[in-house]
Amino acid sequence: MDEIKGRQESLLEIEQLKLDNARLRQRMDKMRKWNDSLLQKNWQESEDQTLLQFSEQQREVPTPQELLQELRIHQEELRVQNEELPEIRYSLEESRSR
């Protein structure tokens, strides 16, 4: 009689373990779905942020015409500085001679 009772208890424990296992599988499935949705959301946000940064960078890149204009301005500044150099040199030499 004790042996039958022991087997019945073992069978009940096995059934309980099966139920617990099924519950754990359900929880794991929910967690996987939740994790997948978080990953998808983070990936989407990351992609959106990357696209936003790229579009901002695109706006910051000067056009060839703008670059050419900037180059011409710098060239003119250098030309003016070069023209001033002999005058400054002459002033320095004059100041030394005094």
N, C-alpha and C. Protein backbone atom coordinates (compact mmCIF):
# COMPACT_ATOMS: atom_id res chain seq x y z
N MET A 1 0.81 -1.20 0.00
CA MET A 1 0.00 0.00 0.00
C MET A 1 0.86 1.26 0.00
N ASP A 2 1.93 1.22 0.81
CA ASP A 2 2.84 2.37 0.86
C ASP A 2 3.52 2.60 -0.49
N GLU A 3 3.80 1.47 -1.16
CA GLU A 3 4.47 1.58 -2.47
C GLU A 3 3.55 2.26 -3.48
N ILE A 4 2.28 1.91 -3.47
CA ILE A 4 1.30 2.52 -4.38
C ILE A 4 1.15 4.00 -4.05
N LYS A 5 1.10 4.32 -2.78
CA LYS A 5 0.97 5.71 -2.36
C LYS A 5 2.20 6.51 -2.78
N GLY A 6 3.38 5.91 -2.66
CA GLY A 6 4.62 6.56 -3.07
C GLY A 6 4.64 6.83 -4.57
N ARG A 7 4.15 5.84 -5.34
CA ARG A 7 4.10 6.02 -6.80
C ARG A 7 3.10 7.11 -7.18
N GLN A 8 1.98 7.13 -6.50
CA GLN A 8 0.97 8.15 -6.77
C GLN A 8 1.53 9.55 -6.47
N GLU A 9 2.25 9.65 -5.37
CA GLU A 9 2.87 10.94 -5.02
C GLU A 9 3.92 11.34 -6.07
N SER A 10 4.67 10.35 -6.52
CA SER A 10 5.66 10.63 -7.56
C SER A 10 4.99 11.09 -8.84
N LEU A 11 3.87 10.42 -9.20
CA LEU A 11 3.13 10.82 -10.40
C LEU A 11 2.56 12.23 -10.25
N LEU A 12 2.07 12.54 -9.06
CA LEU A 12 1.57 13.89 -8.81
C LEU A 12 2.70 14.92 -8.92
N GLU A 13 3.87 14.58 -8.39
CA GLU A 13 5.03 15.48 -8.49
C GLU A 13 5.42 15.69 -9.95
N ILE A 14 5.39 14.59 -10.71
CA ILE A 14 5.74 14.68 -12.14
C ILE A 14 4.73 15.57 -12.87
N GLU A 15 3.45 15.40 -12.56
CA GLU A 15 2.42 16.22 -13.19
C GLU A 15 2.60 17.69 -12.81
N GLN A 16 2.92 17.91 -11.54
CA GLN A 16 3.16 19.28 -11.08
C GLN A 16 4.37 19.89 -11.80
N LEU A 17 5.43 19.11 -11.96
CA LEU A 17 6.61 19.58 -12.67
C LEU A 17 6.28 19.90 -14.13
N LYS A 18 5.44 19.07 -14.75
CA LYS A 18 5.03 19.33 -16.13
C LYS A 18 4.27 20.65 -16.22
N LEU A 19 3.37 20.88 -15.26
CA LEU A 19 2.62 22.14 -15.24
C LEU A 19 3.56 23.33 -15.04
N ASP A 20 4.48 23.17 -14.08
CA ASP A 20 5.46 24.24 -13.84
C ASP A 20 6.29 24.51 -15.09
N ASN A 21 6.69 23.43 -15.76
CA ASN A 21 7.49 23.56 -16.98
C ASN A 21 6.70 24.30 -18.06
N ALA A 22 5.42 23.97 -18.20
CA ALA A 22 4.56 24.63 -19.19
C ALA A 22 4.42 26.11 -18.86
N ARG A 23 4.23 26.43 -17.57
CA ARG A 23 4.14 27.84 -17.17
C ARG A 23 5.44 28.58 -17.46
N LEU A 24 6.55 27.91 -17.15
CA LEU A 24 7.84 28.55 -17.43
C LEU A 24 8.03 28.80 -18.93
N ARG A 25 7.60 27.83 -19.76
CA ARG A 25 7.70 28.02 -21.21
C ARG A 25 6.87 29.22 -21.66
N GLN A 26 5.66 29.34 -21.10
CA GLN A 26 4.81 30.48 -21.44
C GLN A 26 5.48 31.79 -21.04
N ARG A 27 6.03 31.82 -19.83
CA ARG A 27 6.71 33.04 -19.37
C ARG A 27 7.91 33.35 -20.25
N MET A 28 8.66 32.30 -20.62
CA MET A 28 9.83 32.51 -21.48
C MET A 28 9.40 33.03 -22.85
N ASP A 29 8.30 32.48 -23.38
CA ASP A 29 7.79 32.97 -24.66
C ASP A 29 7.40 34.44 -24.58
N LYS A 30 6.72 34.80 -23.48
CA LYS A 30 6.34 36.20 -23.28
C LYS A 30 7.58 37.08 -23.19
N MET A 31 8.58 36.60 -22.43
CA MET A 31 9.81 37.38 -22.28
C MET A 31 10.55 37.51 -23.60
N ARG A 32 10.56 36.43 -24.41
CA ARG A 32 11.20 36.50 -25.73
C ARG A 32 10.50 37.53 -26.62
N LYS A 33 9.16 37.48 -26.61
CA LYS A 33 8.40 38.43 -27.42
C LYS A 33 8.65 39.86 -26.94
N TRP A 34 8.66 40.04 -25.64
CA TRP A 34 8.93 41.37 -25.07
C TRP A 34 10.34 41.82 -25.44
N ASN A 35 11.31 40.91 -25.30
CA ASN A 35 12.70 41.23 -25.65
C ASN A 35 12.81 41.56 -27.13
N ASP A 36 12.17 40.76 -27.97
CA ASP A 36 12.20 41.03 -29.42
C ASP A 36 11.60 42.39 -29.74
N SER A 37 10.49 42.72 -29.06
CA SER A 37 9.87 44.02 -29.34
C SER A 37 10.77 45.16 -28.88
N LEU A 38 11.44 44.97 -27.73
CA LEU A 38 12.39 45.99 -27.27
C LEU A 38 13.55 46.14 -28.24
N LEU A 39 14.07 45.02 -28.70
CA LEU A 39 15.17 45.07 -29.67
C LEU A 39 14.74 45.77 -30.95
N GLN A 40 13.54 45.42 -31.41
CA GLN A 40 13.02 46.06 -32.62
C GLN A 40 12.86 47.56 -32.42
N LYS A 41 12.31 47.94 -31.26
CA LYS A 41 12.11 49.35 -30.96
C LYS A 41 13.46 50.08 -30.88
N ASN A 42 14.42 49.47 -30.16
CA ASN A 42 15.75 50.09 -30.05
C ASN A 42 16.43 50.18 -31.41
N TRP A 43 16.29 49.13 -32.21
CA TRP A 43 16.89 49.15 -33.55
C TRP A 43 16.27 50.25 -34.38
N GLN A 44 14.94 50.37 -34.31
CA GLN A 44 14.24 51.40 -35.08
C GLN A 44 14.67 52.79 -34.62
N GLU A 45 14.75 52.99 -33.29
CA GLU A 45 15.17 54.29 -32.77
C GLU A 45 16.60 54.60 -33.20
N SER A 46 17.45 53.58 -33.15
CA SER A 46 18.84 53.76 -33.56
C SER A 46 18.92 54.10 -35.04
N GLU A 47 18.14 53.39 -35.85
CA GLU A 47 18.12 53.67 -37.29
C GLU A 47 17.61 55.08 -37.56
N ASP A 48 16.54 55.46 -36.84
CA ASP A 48 15.98 56.81 -37.01
C ASP A 48 17.02 57.86 -36.63
N GLN A 49 17.73 57.62 -35.52
CA GLN A 49 18.75 58.57 -35.06
C GLN A 49 19.88 58.67 -36.08
N THR A 50 20.29 57.53 -36.62
CA THR A 50 21.36 57.52 -37.63
C THR A 50 20.93 58.29 -38.87
N LEU A 51 19.70 58.06 -39.31
CA LEU A 51 19.20 58.79 -40.49
C LEU A 51 19.12 60.29 -40.21
N LEU A 52 18.70 60.65 -39.01
CA LEU A 52 18.62 62.06 -38.64
C LEU A 52 20.01 62.69 -38.65
N GLN A 53 20.98 62.00 -38.04
CA GLN A 53 22.35 62.53 -38.02
C GLN A 53 22.89 62.65 -39.44
N PHE A 54 22.63 61.64 -40.28
CA PHE A 54 23.11 61.69 -41.65
C PHE A 54 22.50 62.86 -42.41
N SER A 55 21.20 63.07 -42.22
CA SER A 55 20.55 64.17 -42.93
C SER A 55 21.08 65.51 -42.43
N GLU A 56 21.39 65.61 -41.12
CA GLU A 56 21.97 66.84 -40.59
C GLU A 56 23.37 67.06 -41.17
N GLN A 57 24.12 65.98 -41.28
CA GLN A 57 25.46 66.09 -41.86
C GLN A 57 25.38 66.51 -43.32
N GLN A 58 24.40 65.98 -44.02
CA GLN A 58 24.24 66.34 -45.43
C GLN A 58 24.00 67.83 -45.57
N ARG A 59 23.24 68.42 -44.65
CA ARG A 59 22.96 69.85 -44.72
C ARG A 59 24.22 70.66 -44.43
N GLU A 60 25.14 70.10 -43.64
CA GLU A 60 26.34 70.83 -43.26
C GLU A 60 27.42 70.79 -44.34
N VAL A 61 27.33 69.87 -45.26
CA VAL A 61 28.35 69.74 -46.30
C VAL A 61 28.16 70.86 -47.31
N PRO A 62 29.19 71.71 -47.48
CA PRO A 62 29.04 72.82 -48.43
C PRO A 62 29.02 72.33 -49.88
N THR A 63 28.37 73.09 -50.70
CA THR A 63 28.34 72.77 -52.13
C THR A 63 29.67 73.17 -52.74
N PRO A 64 29.99 72.65 -53.92
CA PRO A 64 31.24 73.05 -54.58
C PRO A 64 31.30 74.57 -54.82
N GLN A 65 30.18 75.18 -55.13
CA GLN A 65 30.17 76.64 -55.35
C GLN A 65 30.52 77.38 -54.06
N GLU A 66 29.98 76.90 -52.93
CA GLU A 66 30.30 77.53 -51.65
C GLU A 66 31.78 77.37 -51.32
N LEU A 67 32.30 76.19 -51.59
CA LEU A 67 33.73 75.96 -51.33
C LEU A 67 34.60 76.85 -52.21
N LEU A 68 34.22 76.99 -53.47
CA LEU A 68 34.97 77.85 -54.38
C LEU A 68 34.92 79.31 -53.92
N GLN A 69 33.78 79.76 -53.49
CA GLN A 69 33.64 81.13 -52.98
C GLN A 69 34.53 81.34 -51.76
N GLU A 70 34.52 80.37 -50.87
CA GLU A 70 35.35 80.46 -49.66
C GLU A 70 36.83 80.49 -50.02
N LEU A 71 37.21 79.69 -50.99
CA LEU A 71 38.60 79.68 -51.45
C LEU A 71 38.99 81.04 -52.04
N ARG A 72 38.11 81.63 -52.81
CA ARG A 72 38.40 82.96 -53.40
C ARG A 72 38.56 84.02 -52.31
N ILE A 73 37.74 83.93 -51.28
CA ILE A 73 37.85 84.89 -50.17
C ILE A 73 39.21 84.75 -49.49
N HIS A 74 39.62 83.52 -49.24
CA HIS A 74 40.92 83.29 -48.60
C HIS A 74 42.08 83.75 -49.50
N GLN A 75 41.93 83.50 -50.79
CA GLN A 75 42.96 83.96 -51.72
C GLN A 75 43.10 85.48 -51.68
N GLU A 76 41.99 86.16 -51.65
CA GLU A 76 42.01 87.63 -51.61
C GLU A 76 42.64 88.12 -50.30
N GLU A 77 42.30 87.46 -49.20
CA GLU A 77 42.91 87.84 -47.92
C GLU A 77 44.43 87.66 -47.97
N LEU A 78 44.87 86.55 -48.54
CA LEU A 78 46.32 86.32 -48.66
C LEU A 78 46.98 87.36 -49.57
N ARG A 79 46.33 87.71 -50.66
CA ARG A 79 46.89 88.71 -51.57
C ARG A 79 47.08 90.04 -50.85
N VAL A 80 46.06 90.44 -50.09
CA VAL A 80 46.14 91.70 -49.35
C VAL A 80 47.26 91.63 -48.32
N GLN A 81 47.38 90.52 -47.62
CA GLN A 81 48.45 90.36 -46.63
C GLN A 81 49.82 90.43 -47.30
N ASN A 82 49.95 89.80 -48.47
CA ASN A 82 51.22 89.84 -49.19
C ASN A 82 51.58 91.26 -49.63
N GLU A 83 50.58 92.03 -50.01
CA GLU A 83 50.83 93.42 -50.39
C GLU A 83 51.26 94.25 -49.18
N GLU A 84 50.75 93.92 -48.02
CA GLU A 84 51.10 94.67 -46.80
C GLU A 84 52.49 94.31 -46.29
N LEU A 85 52.98 93.14 -46.62
CA LEU A 85 54.28 92.70 -46.10
C LEU A 85 55.43 93.66 -46.41
N PRO A 86 55.60 94.11 -47.65
CA PRO A 86 56.71 95.05 -47.91
C PRO A 86 56.59 96.34 -47.09
N GLU A 87 55.37 96.82 -46.93
CA GLU A 87 55.17 98.04 -46.13
C GLU A 87 55.58 97.80 -44.68
N ILE A 88 55.21 96.67 -44.15
CA ILE A 88 55.56 96.34 -42.76
C ILE A 88 57.07 96.17 -42.64
N ARG A 89 57.67 95.53 -43.62
CA ARG A 89 59.13 95.34 -43.61
C ARG A 89 59.84 96.69 -43.62
N TYR A 90 59.37 97.57 -44.48
CA TYR A 90 59.97 98.90 -44.57
C TYR A 90 59.83 99.63 -43.22
N SER A 91 58.67 99.54 -42.62
CA SER A 91 58.46 100.19 -41.30
C SER A 91 59.38 99.60 -40.25
N LEU A 92 59.59 98.31 -40.28
CA LEU A 92 60.48 97.66 -39.31
C LEU A 92 61.92 98.11 -39.50
N GLU A 93 62.36 98.17 -40.75
CA GLU A 93 63.74 98.59 -41.03
C GLU A 93 63.94 100.04 -40.62
N GLU A 94 62.95 100.86 -40.88
CA GLU A 94 63.04 102.27 -40.50
C GLU A 94 63.10 102.41 -38.98
N SER A 95 62.31 101.62 -38.29
CA SER A 95 62.30 101.70 -36.83
C SER A 95 63.65 101.21 -36.26
N ARG A 96 64.28 100.23 -36.89
CA ARG A 96 65.60 99.75 -36.43
C ARG A 96 66.67 100.81 -36.62
N SER A 97 66.58 101.47 -37.74
CA SER A 97 67.62 102.48 -38.03
C SER A 97 67.54 103.66 -37.07
N ARG A 98 66.41 103.95 -36.49
CA ARG A 98 66.28 105.05 -35.53
C ARG A 98 66.91 104.62 -34.27
